[in-house]
Amino acid sequence: MLIDTYGRVATDLRVSLTDRCNLRCTYCMPEEGLQWLAKPDLLTDDEIVRLIDIAVRLLGVEEVRFTGGEPLLRPGLVGIVQRVAALAARPRMSLTTNGIGLRRTATALKAAGLDRVNVSLDTLRPAVFRTLTRRDRHQDVLDGLRAAHDAGLTPVKVNTVLMPGLNEDEAPDLLAWALAHGYELRFIEQMPLDAQHGWKRDSMVTAGDILASLSTRFDLTPEGTDDRGSAPAERWLVDGGPHRVGVIASVTRPFCAACDRTRLTADGQIRTCLFAREETDLRGALRSGAPDEEIARIWRLAMWGKKAGAGLDDPAFVQPDRPMSAIGG
């Protein structure tokens, strides 16, 4: 197992397939983009599948989430999904995407074995979308969501970040829209993972702000008990259910004590946390001919050293050098 000194066991693997993206979201990267990883530095399709196989066969991983950058930009994505679905210990598989390419790929991904998707959409207003993403692709995302739903990649979850002065007033409208279309909406607090390092705690829209806004139109009831386990989202029943809305409050209500995630970057580095400042190299071991058991040992050792928490509440917190697009969500 991938166990740490605090007794947490990592069963959820987030795999970044690329650091590239076809949007330029203001809370993620500058308008001119970033310097992308060179192709020789990226894990090959074979290397990705081999590492996932090691994770599920030798290390107890049960769920794999493909992320980016934008994972739909990975040419071999459908083949990777198909090969992972064929593993003897088949993990549950999901994908986090901006949705732009889903209209053309949703059916193929479902046929390959993908179980569901999370799609990022921060606004219902095309003009605000252009401001937030610096691209005019709002309708493409809406079309991608519908294609994912129609292909059976359900539940389709929509991830939304609210930004002051741009879309912070849209929470009730977004929830009404998600309910009408059968999507499960999850609001995510803006995290200090932007390439510009411009995040400021005192200007972010908090979980408390989001819930207060939603409560002006909807009756929200906490779902179940206060103990949500390793799930990052706190969930509420909307108007008594069965529909739900989630809030991922990584900053103001951290859930590190129950974290069950391990992360693999597109260039083959293990990260124990989104906010970690250290990484462990698996690509070098792979390419030097290390057997599966040795790679598993390196991975176990990396996770054993996982810190108790992200440290966001520490005044001395320092943002990681890599932005979200290079880490994977």
C-alpha atoms as a PDB file:
ATOM      1  CA  MET A   1       0.000   0.000   0.000  1.00  0.00           C
ATOM      2  CA  LEU A   2       0.927   3.641  -0.369  1.00  0.00           C
ATOM      3  CA  ILE A   3       0.739   4.501   3.306  1.00  0.00           C
ATOM      4  CA  ASP A   4       2.243   7.515   5.075  1.00  0.00           C
ATOM      5  CA  THR A   5       3.415   8.122   8.625  1.00  0.00           C
ATOM      6  CA  TYR A   6      -0.024   9.514   9.555  1.00  0.00           C
ATOM      7  CA  GLY A   7      -1.788   6.301   8.554  1.00  0.00           C
ATOM      8  CA  ARG A   8      -3.352   7.671   5.366  1.00  0.00           C
ATOM      9  CA  VAL A   9      -3.512   5.251   2.441  1.00  0.00           C
ATOM     10  CA  ALA A  10      -3.401   6.579  -1.125  1.00  0.00           C
ATOM     11  CA  THR A  11      -5.839   4.697  -3.358  1.00  0.00           C
ATOM     12  CA  ASP A  12      -6.590   7.559  -5.798  1.00  0.00           C
ATOM     13  CA  LEU A  13      -3.994   8.304  -8.501  1.00  0.00           C
ATOM     14  CA  ARG A  14      -4.100  11.584 -10.450  1.00  0.00           C
ATOM     15  CA  VAL A  15      -2.188  11.263 -13.733  1.00  0.00           C
ATOM     16  CA  SER A  16      -1.260  14.404 -15.648  1.00  0.00           C
ATOM     17  CA  LEU A  17      -0.998  13.589 -19.358  1.00  0.00           C
ATOM     18  CA  THR A  18       0.290  16.975 -20.545  1.00  0.00           C
ATOM     19  CA  ASP A  19       1.056  20.444 -19.224  1.00  0.00           C
ATOM     20  CA  ARG A  20      -0.393  22.066 -22.355  1.00  0.00           C
ATOM     21  CA  CYS A  21      -3.791  23.750 -22.451  1.00  0.00           C
ATOM     22  CA  ASN A  22      -5.915  25.476 -25.077  1.00  0.00           C
ATOM     23  CA  LEU A  23      -7.310  28.027 -22.611  1.00  0.00           C
ATOM     24  CA  ARG A  24      -5.485  30.747 -20.674  1.00  0.00           C
ATOM     25  CA  CYS A  25      -7.568  31.014 -17.507  1.00  0.00           C
ATOM     26  CA  THR A  26      -6.580  34.062 -15.490  1.00  0.00           C
ATOM     27  CA  TYR A  27      -6.281  32.077 -12.250  1.00  0.00           C
ATOM     28  CA  CYS A  28      -3.963  29.515 -13.861  1.00  0.00           C
ATOM     29  CA  MET A  29      -1.548  31.013 -16.390  1.00  0.00           C
ATOM     30  CA  PRO A  30      -0.566  34.246 -18.133  1.00  0.00           C
ATOM     31  CA  GLU A  31      -2.103  35.280 -21.458  1.00  0.00           C
ATOM     32  CA  GLU A  32       1.031  34.347 -23.405  1.00  0.00           C
ATOM     33  CA  GLY A  33       1.002  30.844 -21.938  1.00  0.00           C
ATOM     34  CA  LEU A  34       3.952  29.020 -20.417  1.00  0.00           C
ATOM     35  CA  GLN A  35       7.056  27.217 -21.577  1.00  0.00           C
ATOM     36  CA  TRP A  36       5.762  23.700 -22.184  1.00  0.00           C
ATOM     37  CA  LEU A  37       7.628  20.535 -21.339  1.00  0.00           C
ATOM     38  CA  ALA A  38       9.804  19.221 -24.160  1.00  0.00           C
ATOM     39  CA  LYS A  39       8.459  16.046 -25.787  1.00  0.00           C
ATOM     40  CA  PRO A  40      11.432  13.866 -24.670  1.00  0.00           C
ATOM     41  CA  ASP A  41      10.686  14.849 -21.065  1.00  0.00           C
ATOM     42  CA  LEU A  42       7.098  13.596 -21.246  1.00  0.00           C
ATOM     43  CA  LEU A  43       6.217  10.055 -20.292  1.00  0.00           C
ATOM     44  CA  THR A  44       5.326   7.938 -23.319  1.00  0.00           C
ATOM     45  CA  ASP A  45       1.985   6.160 -23.546  1.00  0.00           C
ATOM     46  CA  ASP A  46       3.719   2.879 -22.691  1.00  0.00           C
ATOM     47  CA  GLU A  47       5.381   4.417 -19.635  1.00  0.00           C
ATOM     48  CA  ILE A  48       2.109   5.869 -18.384  1.00  0.00           C
ATOM     49  CA  VAL A  49       0.293   2.548 -18.718  1.00  0.00           C
ATOM     50  CA  ARG A  50       3.156   0.699 -17.022  1.00  0.00           C
ATOM     51  CA  LEU A  51       3.160   3.088 -14.044  1.00  0.00           C
ATOM     52  CA  ILE A  52      -0.608   2.824 -13.675  1.00  0.00           C
ATOM     53  CA  ASP A  53      -0.308  -0.965 -13.803  1.00  0.00           C
ATOM     54  CA  ILE A  54       2.314  -0.863 -11.028  1.00  0.00           C
ATOM     55  CA  ALA A  55       0.063   1.425  -9.005  1.00  0.00           C
ATOM     56  CA  VAL A  56      -3.015  -0.797  -9.190  1.00  0.00           C
ATOM     57  CA  ARG A  57      -1.282  -4.185  -9.134  1.00  0.00           C
ATOM     58  CA  LEU A  58       1.407  -3.585  -6.516  1.00  0.00           C
ATOM     59  CA  LEU A  59       0.360  -0.466  -4.591  1.00  0.00           C
ATOM     60  CA  GLY A  60      -3.401  -0.719  -4.023  1.00  0.00           C
ATOM     61  CA  VAL A  61      -4.577   2.132  -6.245  1.00  0.00           C
ATOM     62  CA  GLU A  62      -8.280   1.752  -7.056  1.00  0.00           C
ATOM     63  CA  GLU A  63      -9.120   4.925  -8.965  1.00  0.00           C
ATOM     64  CA  VAL A  64      -7.294   6.836 -11.704  1.00  0.00           C
ATOM     65  CA  ARG A  65      -8.083  10.411 -12.724  1.00  0.00           C
ATOM     66  CA  PHE A  66      -6.552  11.697 -15.954  1.00  0.00           C
ATOM     67  CA  THR A  67      -5.724  15.390 -15.809  1.00  0.00           C
ATOM     68  CA  GLY A  68      -3.561  18.028 -17.534  1.00  0.00           C
ATOM     69  CA  GLY A  69      -3.036  20.748 -18.518  1.00  0.00           C
ATOM     70  CA  GLU A  70      -5.826  19.689 -20.845  1.00  0.00           C
ATOM     71  CA  PRO A  71      -5.770  15.879 -21.163  1.00  0.00           C
ATOM     72  CA  LEU A  72      -7.827  15.879 -24.379  1.00  0.00           C
ATOM     73  CA  LEU A  73      -4.759  17.387 -26.074  1.00  0.00           C
ATOM     74  CA  ARG A  74      -2.897  14.113 -25.496  1.00  0.00           C
ATOM     75  CA  PRO A  75      -2.944  12.300 -28.884  1.00  0.00           C
ATOM     76  CA  GLY A  76      -2.896   8.824 -27.315  1.00  0.00           C
ATOM     77  CA  LEU A  77      -5.576   9.441 -24.669  1.00  0.00           C
ATOM     78  CA  VAL A  78      -8.202   7.016 -25.985  1.00  0.00           C
ATOM     79  CA  GLY A  79      -5.600   4.274 -26.350  1.00  0.00           C
ATOM     80  CA  ILE A  80      -4.287   4.873 -22.826  1.00  0.00           C
ATOM     81  CA  VAL A  81      -7.808   4.586 -21.408  1.00  0.00           C
ATOM     82  CA  GLN A  82      -8.432   1.396 -23.377  1.00  0.00           C
ATOM     83  CA  ARG A  83      -5.200  -0.200 -22.159  1.00  0.00           C
ATOM     84  CA  VAL A  84      -5.811   0.741 -18.522  1.00  0.00           C
ATOM     85  CA  ALA A  85      -9.348  -0.639 -18.755  1.00  0.00           C
ATOM     86  CA  ALA A  86      -7.817  -3.950 -19.835  1.00  0.00           C
ATOM     87  CA  LEU A  87      -5.570  -4.258 -16.765  1.00  0.00           C
ATOM     88  CA  ALA A  88      -6.248  -7.287 -14.585  1.00  0.00           C
ATOM     89  CA  ALA A  89      -6.968  -5.026 -11.616  1.00  0.00           C
ATOM     90  CA  ARG A  90      -9.095  -2.505 -13.524  1.00  0.00           C
ATOM     91  CA  PRO A  91      -9.302   0.835 -11.695  1.00  0.00           C
ATOM     92  CA  ARG A  92     -12.234   3.233 -11.901  1.00  0.00           C
ATOM     93  CA  MET A  93     -11.301   5.912 -14.436  1.00  0.00           C
ATOM     94  CA  SER A  94     -12.342   9.541 -14.751  1.00  0.00           C
ATOM     95  CA  LEU A  95     -11.125  12.614 -16.596  1.00  0.00           C
ATOM     96  CA  THR A  96     -10.862  16.280 -15.632  1.00  0.00           C
ATOM     97  CA  THR A  97     -11.136  18.499 -18.704  1.00  0.00           C
ATOM     98  CA  ASN A  98     -12.079  21.959 -19.906  1.00  0.00           C
ATOM     99  CA  GLY A  99     -14.584  20.212 -22.160  1.00  0.00           C
ATOM    100  CA  ILE A 100     -13.589  21.858 -25.436  1.00  0.00           C
ATOM    101  CA  GLY A 101     -12.750  18.566 -27.157  1.00  0.00           C
ATOM    102  CA  LEU A 102     -15.445  16.396 -25.615  1.00  0.00           C
ATOM    103  CA  ARG A 103     -17.956  16.732 -28.436  1.00  0.00           C
ATOM    104  CA  ARG A 104     -15.648  14.763 -30.735  1.00  0.00           C
ATOM    105  CA  THR A 105     -14.154  12.358 -28.150  1.00  0.00           C
ATOM    106  CA  ALA A 106     -16.848  11.540 -25.566  1.00  0.00           C
ATOM    107  CA  THR A 107     -18.237   8.507 -27.391  1.00  0.00           C
ATOM    108  CA  ALA A 108     -14.777   7.058 -28.076  1.00  0.00           C
ATOM    109  CA  LEU A 109     -13.686   7.594 -24.472  1.00  0.00           C
ATOM    110  CA  LYS A 110     -16.770   5.837 -23.143  1.00  0.00           C
ATOM    111  CA  ALA A 111     -16.219   2.928 -25.529  1.00  0.00           C
ATOM    112  CA  ALA A 112     -12.581   2.720 -24.407  1.00  0.00           C
ATOM    113  CA  GLY A 113     -13.642   2.325 -20.777  1.00  0.00           C
ATOM    114  CA  LEU A 114     -13.732   5.787 -19.216  1.00  0.00           C
ATOM    115  CA  ASP A 115     -16.326   5.924 -16.457  1.00  0.00           C
ATOM    116  CA  ARG A 116     -17.070   9.635 -16.064  1.00  0.00           C
ATOM    117  CA  VAL A 117     -15.823  13.225 -16.490  1.00  0.00           C
ATOM    118  CA  ASN A 118     -15.364  16.442 -14.546  1.00  0.00           C
ATOM    119  CA  VAL A 119     -15.688  19.522 -16.759  1.00  0.00           C
ATOM    120  CA  SER A 120     -14.503  22.998 -15.797  1.00  0.00           C
ATOM    121  CA  LEU A 121     -16.996  25.793 -16.469  1.00  0.00           C
ATOM    122  CA  ASP A 122     -16.889  29.000 -14.471  1.00  0.00           C
ATOM    123  CA  THR A 123     -19.669  31.064 -16.025  1.00  0.00           C
ATOM    124  CA  LEU A 124     -22.855  30.952 -18.074  1.00  0.00           C
ATOM    125  CA  ARG A 125     -22.020  34.265 -19.741  1.00  0.00           C
ATOM    126  CA  PRO A 126     -19.998  34.046 -22.981  1.00  0.00           C
ATOM    127  CA  ALA A 127     -18.454  37.495 -22.432  1.00  0.00           C
ATOM    128  CA  VAL A 128     -17.288  36.585 -18.933  1.00  0.00           C
ATOM    129  CA  PHE A 129     -15.942  33.281 -20.286  1.00  0.00           C
ATOM    130  CA  ARG A 130     -13.834  35.223 -22.802  1.00  0.00           C
ATOM    131  CA  THR A 131     -12.486  37.426 -20.014  1.00  0.00           C
ATOM    132  CA  LEU A 132     -11.706  34.512 -17.712  1.00  0.00           C
ATOM    133  CA  THR A 133     -10.192  32.149 -20.291  1.00  0.00           C
ATOM    134  CA  ARG A 134      -9.000  34.624 -22.950  1.00  0.00           C
ATOM    135  CA  ARG A 135     -10.640  32.386 -25.539  1.00  0.00           C
ATOM    136  CA  ASP A 136     -14.038  32.395 -27.293  1.00  0.00           C
ATOM    137  CA  ARG A 137     -14.929  28.725 -26.690  1.00  0.00           C
ATOM    138  CA  HIS A 138     -17.943  28.912 -24.358  1.00  0.00           C
ATOM    139  CA  GLN A 139     -20.324  27.083 -26.708  1.00  0.00           C
ATOM    140  CA  ASP A 140     -17.725  24.366 -27.261  1.00  0.00           C
ATOM    141  CA  VAL A 141     -17.721  23.621 -23.536  1.00  0.00           C
ATOM    142  CA  LEU A 142     -21.525  23.494 -23.394  1.00  0.00           C
ATOM    143  CA  ASP A 143     -21.546  21.151 -26.403  1.00  0.00           C
ATOM    144  CA  GLY A 144     -18.886  18.992 -24.750  1.00  0.00           C
ATOM    145  CA  LEU A 145     -20.925  18.688 -21.573  1.00  0.00           C
ATOM    146  CA  ARG A 146     -23.958  17.544 -23.513  1.00  0.00           C
ATOM    147  CA  ALA A 147     -21.866  15.038 -25.490  1.00  0.00           C
ATOM    148  CA  ALA A 148     -20.430  13.590 -22.267  1.00  0.00           C
ATOM    149  CA  HIS A 149     -23.900  13.254 -20.781  1.00  0.00           C
ATOM    150  CA  ASP A 150     -25.304  11.630 -23.927  1.00  0.00           C
ATOM    151  CA  ALA A 151     -22.338   9.215 -24.107  1.00  0.00           C
ATOM    152  CA  GLY A 152     -23.023   8.003 -20.571  1.00  0.00           C
ATOM    153  CA  LEU A 153     -19.940   9.502 -18.891  1.00  0.00           C
ATOM    154  CA  THR A 154     -22.016  10.096 -15.805  1.00  0.00           C
ATOM    155  CA  PRO A 155     -22.370  11.564 -13.329  1.00  0.00           C
ATOM    156  CA  VAL A 156     -21.114  14.585 -15.268  1.00  0.00           C
ATOM    157  CA  LYS A 157     -19.582  16.899 -12.700  1.00  0.00           C
ATOM    158  CA  VAL A 158     -19.019  20.589 -13.365  1.00  0.00           C
ATOM    159  CA  ASN A 159     -16.169  22.345 -11.557  1.00  0.00           C
ATOM    160  CA  THR A 160     -16.540  26.091 -11.021  1.00  0.00           C
ATOM    161  CA  VAL A 161     -14.147  28.674  -9.605  1.00  0.00           C
ATOM    162  CA  LEU A 162     -15.674  32.020  -8.628  1.00  0.00           C
ATOM    163  CA  MET A 163     -13.536  35.121  -9.039  1.00  0.00           C
ATOM    164  CA  PRO A 164     -14.186  38.526  -7.425  1.00  0.00           C
ATOM    165  CA  GLY A 165     -15.611  41.102  -9.804  1.00  0.00           C
ATOM    166  CA  LEU A 166     -16.130  38.589 -12.626  1.00  0.00           C
ATOM    167  CA  ASN A 167     -18.481  35.735 -11.815  1.00  0.00           C
ATOM    168  CA  GLU A 168     -18.899  35.730  -8.048  1.00  0.00           C
ATOM    169  CA  ASP A 169     -22.597  36.629  -8.432  1.00  0.00           C
ATOM    170  CA  GLU A 170     -23.375  33.597 -10.617  1.00  0.00           C
ATOM    171  CA  ALA A 171     -23.523  30.832  -8.027  1.00  0.00           C
ATOM    172  CA  PRO A 172     -27.349  30.542  -7.863  1.00  0.00           C
ATOM    173  CA  ASP A 173     -27.716  30.772 -11.662  1.00  0.00           C
ATOM    174  CA  LEU A 174     -25.046  28.117 -12.188  1.00  0.00           C
ATOM    175  CA  LEU A 175     -26.734  25.759  -9.757  1.00  0.00           C
ATOM    176  CA  ALA A 176     -30.163  26.242 -11.370  1.00  0.00           C
ATOM    177  CA  TRP A 177     -28.604  25.544 -14.780  1.00  0.00           C
ATOM    178  CA  ALA A 178     -26.790  22.413 -13.541  1.00  0.00           C
ATOM    179  CA  LEU A 179     -29.960  21.042 -11.968  1.00  0.00           C
ATOM    180  CA  ALA A 180     -31.886  21.619 -15.192  1.00  0.00           C
ATOM    181  CA  HIS A 181     -29.308  19.705 -17.252  1.00  0.00           C
ATOM    182  CA  GLY A 182     -28.653  16.839 -14.833  1.00  0.00           C
ATOM    183  CA  TYR A 183     -25.087  17.853 -13.959  1.00  0.00           C
ATOM    184  CA  GLU A 184     -23.573  17.802 -10.480  1.00  0.00           C
ATOM    185  CA  LEU A 185     -22.068  21.211  -9.699  1.00  0.00           C
ATOM    186  CA  ARG A 186     -19.018  21.632  -7.466  1.00  0.00           C
ATOM    187  CA  PHE A 187     -17.607  25.007  -6.524  1.00  0.00           C
ATOM    188  CA  ILE A 188     -13.863  25.096  -5.885  1.00  0.00           C
ATOM    189  CA  GLU A 189     -12.112  27.802  -3.893  1.00  0.00           C
ATOM    190  CA  GLN A 190      -9.374  29.497  -5.902  1.00  0.00           C
ATOM    191  CA  MET A 191      -6.071  27.922  -4.846  1.00  0.00           C
ATOM    192  CA  PRO A 192      -2.530  29.354  -4.812  1.00  0.00           C
ATOM    193  CA  LEU A 193      -1.404  27.428  -7.882  1.00  0.00           C
ATOM    194  CA  ASP A 194      -1.347  30.147 -10.543  1.00  0.00           C
ATOM    195  CA  ALA A 195       1.811  30.560 -12.603  1.00  0.00           C
ATOM    196  CA  GLN A 196       1.844  34.309 -11.891  1.00  0.00           C
ATOM    197  CA  HIS A 197       1.808  33.765  -8.100  1.00  0.00           C
ATOM    198  CA  GLY A 198      -0.844  36.466  -7.873  1.00  0.00           C
ATOM    199  CA  TRP A 199      -3.214  34.632  -5.504  1.00  0.00           C
ATOM    200  CA  LYS A 200      -4.264  36.585  -2.419  1.00  0.00           C
ATOM    201  CA  ARG A 201      -6.140  35.004   0.458  1.00  0.00           C
ATOM    202  CA  ASP A 202      -8.015  38.188   1.351  1.00  0.00           C
ATOM    203  CA  SER A 203      -9.510  38.578  -2.139  1.00  0.00           C
ATOM    204  CA  MET A 204     -10.694  35.019  -2.831  1.00  0.00           C
ATOM    205  CA  VAL A 205     -14.334  33.930  -2.857  1.00  0.00           C
ATOM    206  CA  THR A 206     -14.617  31.539   0.086  1.00  0.00           C
ATOM    207  CA  ALA A 207     -16.826  28.517   0.704  1.00  0.00           C
ATOM    208  CA  GLY A 208     -18.774  30.644   3.181  1.00  0.00           C
ATOM    209  CA  ASP A 209     -19.391  33.266   0.516  1.00  0.00           C
ATOM    210  CA  ILE A 210     -20.546  30.614  -1.955  1.00  0.00           C
ATOM    211  CA  LEU A 211     -22.958  28.958   0.466  1.00  0.00           C
ATOM    212  CA  ALA A 212     -24.402  32.309   1.509  1.00  0.00           C
ATOM    213  CA  SER A 213     -25.034  33.187  -2.126  1.00  0.00           C
ATOM    214  CA  LEU A 214     -26.652  29.834  -2.910  1.00  0.00           C
ATOM    215  CA  SER A 215     -28.858  30.100   0.164  1.00  0.00           C
ATOM    216  CA  THR A 216     -30.548  33.203  -1.233  1.00  0.00           C
ATOM    217  CA  ARG A 217     -32.376  30.939  -3.724  1.00  0.00           C
ATOM    218  CA  PHE A 218     -32.045  27.357  -2.491  1.00  0.00           C
ATOM    219  CA  ASP A 219     -32.560  25.438   0.727  1.00  0.00           C
ATOM    220  CA  LEU A 220     -29.302  23.576   1.441  1.00  0.00           C
ATOM    221  CA  THR A 221     -29.123  20.639   3.847  1.00  0.00           C
ATOM    222  CA  PRO A 222     -25.777  18.979   4.689  1.00  0.00           C
ATOM    223  CA  GLU A 223     -25.638  15.515   3.177  1.00  0.00           C
ATOM    224  CA  GLY A 224     -24.977  12.753   5.699  1.00  0.00           C
ATOM    225  CA  THR A 225     -22.573  13.278   8.583  1.00  0.00           C
ATOM    226  CA  ASP A 226     -19.737  15.749   9.051  1.00  0.00           C
ATOM    227  CA  ASP A 227     -17.271  12.955   8.260  1.00  0.00           C
ATOM    228  CA  ARG A 228     -17.035  12.840   4.442  1.00  0.00           C
ATOM    229  CA  GLY A 229     -13.974  10.598   4.458  1.00  0.00           C
ATOM    230  CA  SER A 230     -11.458  11.339   1.719  1.00  0.00           C
ATOM    231  CA  ALA A 231     -13.930  13.107  -0.594  1.00  0.00           C
ATOM    232  CA  PRO A 232     -12.692  16.646  -1.267  1.00  0.00           C
ATOM    233  CA  ALA A 233     -16.186  18.094  -1.687  1.00  0.00           C
ATOM    234  CA  GLU A 234     -18.564  18.852   1.146  1.00  0.00           C
ATOM    235  CA  ARG A 235     -22.004  18.176  -0.302  1.00  0.00           C
ATOM    236  CA  TRP A 236     -25.438  19.601   0.358  1.00  0.00           C
ATOM    237  CA  LEU A 237     -28.872  18.387  -0.694  1.00  0.00           C
ATOM    238  CA  VAL A 238     -30.655  21.049  -2.721  1.00  0.00           C
ATOM    239  CA  ASP A 239     -34.237  21.778  -1.656  1.00  0.00           C
ATOM    240  CA  GLY A 240     -34.401  18.449   0.162  1.00  0.00           C
ATOM    241  CA  GLY A 241     -32.805  16.374  -2.608  1.00  0.00           C
ATOM    242  CA  PRO A 242     -32.165  14.254  -4.510  1.00  0.00           C
ATOM    243  CA  HIS A 243     -29.998  16.832  -6.303  1.00  0.00           C
ATOM    244  CA  ARG A 244     -26.749  17.871  -4.644  1.00  0.00           C
ATOM    245  CA  VAL A 245     -24.157  20.617  -4.818  1.00  0.00           C
ATOM    246  CA  GLY A 246     -20.587  20.384  -3.591  1.00  0.00           C
ATOM    247  CA  VAL A 247     -18.020  22.856  -2.342  1.00  0.00           C
ATOM    248  CA  ILE A 248     -14.304  22.062  -2.317  1.00  0.00           C
ATOM    249  CA  ALA A 249     -12.817  24.404   0.263  1.00  0.00           C
ATOM    250  CA  SER A 250      -9.139  23.551   0.015  1.00  0.00           C
ATOM    251  CA  VAL A 251      -8.129  26.854   1.583  1.00  0.00           C
ATOM    252  CA  THR A 252     -10.672  27.638   4.300  1.00  0.00           C
ATOM    253  CA  ARG A 253     -11.772  24.080   5.211  1.00  0.00           C
ATOM    254  CA  PRO A 254      -8.808  21.829   4.346  1.00  0.00           C
ATOM    255  CA  PHE A 255      -9.339  18.068   4.274  1.00  0.00           C
ATOM    256  CA  CYS A 256      -5.712  16.942   4.434  1.00  0.00           C
ATOM    257  CA  ALA A 257      -6.260  14.569   7.358  1.00  0.00           C
ATOM    258  CA  ALA A 258      -8.220  12.168   5.142  1.00  0.00           C
ATOM    259  CA  CYS A 259      -6.358  12.681   1.852  1.00  0.00           C
ATOM    260  CA  ASP A 260      -6.064   9.494  -0.222  1.00  0.00           C
ATOM    261  CA  ARG A 261      -4.342  10.896  -3.340  1.00  0.00           C
ATOM    262  CA  THR A 262      -1.000  10.364  -5.011  1.00  0.00           C
ATOM    263  CA  ARG A 263      -0.020  12.363  -8.111  1.00  0.00           C
ATOM    264  CA  LEU A 264       2.025  11.621 -11.213  1.00  0.00           C
ATOM    265  CA  THR A 265       3.120  14.538 -13.395  1.00  0.00           C
ATOM    266  CA  ALA A 266       3.377  14.378 -17.176  1.00  0.00           C
ATOM    267  CA  ASP A 267       7.172  14.165 -16.882  1.00  0.00           C
ATOM    268  CA  GLY A 268       7.107  11.250 -14.453  1.00  0.00           C
ATOM    269  CA  GLN A 269       7.420  12.885 -11.038  1.00  0.00           C
ATOM    270  CA  ILE A 270       5.541  11.707  -7.957  1.00  0.00           C
ATOM    271  CA  ARG A 271       3.933  14.451  -5.884  1.00  0.00           C
ATOM    272  CA  THR A 272       2.431  13.685  -2.496  1.00  0.00           C
ATOM    273  CA  CYS A 273       0.280  16.833  -2.466  1.00  0.00           C
ATOM    274  CA  LEU A 274      -0.921  19.559  -4.835  1.00  0.00           C
ATOM    275  CA  PHE A 275       1.072  22.038  -2.764  1.00  0.00           C
ATOM    276  CA  ALA A 276       4.209  19.942  -2.259  1.00  0.00           C
ATOM    277  CA  ARG A 277       7.516  21.605  -3.047  1.00  0.00           C
ATOM    278  CA  GLU A 278       9.338  18.289  -3.449  1.00  0.00           C
ATOM    279  CA  GLU A 279       8.970  15.597  -6.104  1.00  0.00           C
ATOM    280  CA  THR A 280      10.286  12.061  -6.575  1.00  0.00           C
ATOM    281  CA  ASP A 281      11.499  10.975 -10.010  1.00  0.00           C
ATOM    282  CA  LEU A 282      10.035   7.769 -11.475  1.00  0.00           C
ATOM    283  CA  ARG A 283      10.881   8.553 -15.086  1.00  0.00           C
ATOM    284  CA  GLY A 284      14.589   8.109 -14.425  1.00  0.00           C
ATOM    285  CA  ALA A 285      14.001   4.729 -12.822  1.00  0.00           C
ATOM    286  CA  LEU A 286      11.788   3.636 -15.711  1.00  0.00           C
ATOM    287  CA  ARG A 287      14.288   4.624 -18.362  1.00  0.00           C
ATOM    288  CA  SER A 288      17.244   3.110 -16.539  1.00  0.00           C
ATOM    289  CA  GLY A 289      15.595  -0.314 -16.645  1.00  0.00           C
ATOM    290  CA  ALA A 290      14.373  -0.610 -13.043  1.00  0.00           C
ATOM    291  CA  PRO A 291      11.979  -3.551 -12.482  1.00  0.00           C
ATOM    292  CA  ASP A 292       8.404  -2.972 -11.354  1.00  0.00           C
ATOM    293  CA  GLU A 293       9.209  -3.896  -7.744  1.00  0.00           C
ATOM    294  CA  GLU A 294      11.931  -1.236  -7.541  1.00  0.00           C
ATOM    295  CA  ILE A 295       9.647   1.446  -8.971  1.00  0.00           C
ATOM    296  CA  ALA A 296       6.982   0.442  -6.452  1.00  0.00           C
ATOM    297  CA  ARG A 297       9.566   0.724  -3.642  1.00  0.00           C
ATOM    298  CA  ILE A 298      10.514   4.263  -4.725  1.00  0.00           C
ATOM    299  CA  TRP A 299       6.843   5.214  -4.899  1.00  0.00           C
ATOM    300  CA  ARG A 300       6.134   3.812  -1.429  1.00  0.00           C
ATOM    301  CA  LEU A 301       9.087   5.678   0.037  1.00  0.00           C
ATOM    302  CA  ALA A 302       7.909   8.952  -1.510  1.00  0.00           C
ATOM    303  CA  MET A 303       4.412   8.603  -0.065  1.00  0.00           C
ATOM    304  CA  TRP A 304       5.747   7.553   3.341  1.00  0.00           C
ATOM    305  CA  GLY A 305       7.195  11.059   3.660  1.00  0.00           C
ATOM    306  CA  LYS A 306       3.928  12.861   2.923  1.00  0.00           C
ATOM    307  CA  LYS A 307       3.406  15.877   5.191  1.00  0.00           C
ATOM    308  CA  ALA A 308       0.473  16.191   7.558  1.00  0.00           C
ATOM    309  CA  GLY A 309      -1.113  18.997   5.562  1.00  0.00           C
ATOM    310  CA  ALA A 310      -0.740  21.478   2.735  1.00  0.00           C
ATOM    311  CA  GLY A 311       0.182  24.264   5.134  1.00  0.00           C
ATOM    312  CA  LEU A 312      -2.122  26.856   3.588  1.00  0.00           C
ATOM    313  CA  ASP A 313      -2.989  28.171   7.050  1.00  0.00           C
ATOM    314  CA  ASP A 314       0.683  28.711   7.872  1.00  0.00           C
ATOM    315  CA  PRO A 315       1.808  32.357   7.507  1.00  0.00           C
ATOM    316  CA  ALA A 316       5.083  30.964   6.130  1.00  0.00           C
ATOM    317  CA  PHE A 317       3.330  29.063   3.319  1.00  0.00           C
ATOM    318  CA  VAL A 318       5.248  29.221   0.042  1.00  0.00           C
ATOM    319  CA  GLN A 319       3.481  28.454  -3.231  1.00  0.00           C
ATOM    320  CA  PRO A 320       4.970  25.532  -5.202  1.00  0.00           C
ATOM    321  CA  ASP A 321       7.105  26.423  -8.193  1.00  0.00           C
ATOM    322  CA  ARG A 322       4.979  24.417 -10.595  1.00  0.00           C
ATOM    323  CA  PRO A 323       1.547  25.859 -11.462  1.00  0.00           C
ATOM    324  CA  MET A 324      -1.618  23.760 -11.562  1.00  0.00           C
ATOM    325  CA  SER A 325      -1.287  23.167 -15.317  1.00  0.00           C
ATOM    326  CA  ALA A 326       2.045  21.386 -14.770  1.00  0.00           C
ATOM    327  CA  ILE A 327       0.952  19.449 -11.671  1.00  0.00           C
ATOM    328  CA  GLY A 328      -2.436  18.084 -12.656  1.00  0.00           C
ATOM    329  CA  GLY A 329      -5.722  18.680 -10.846  1.00  0.00           C
END
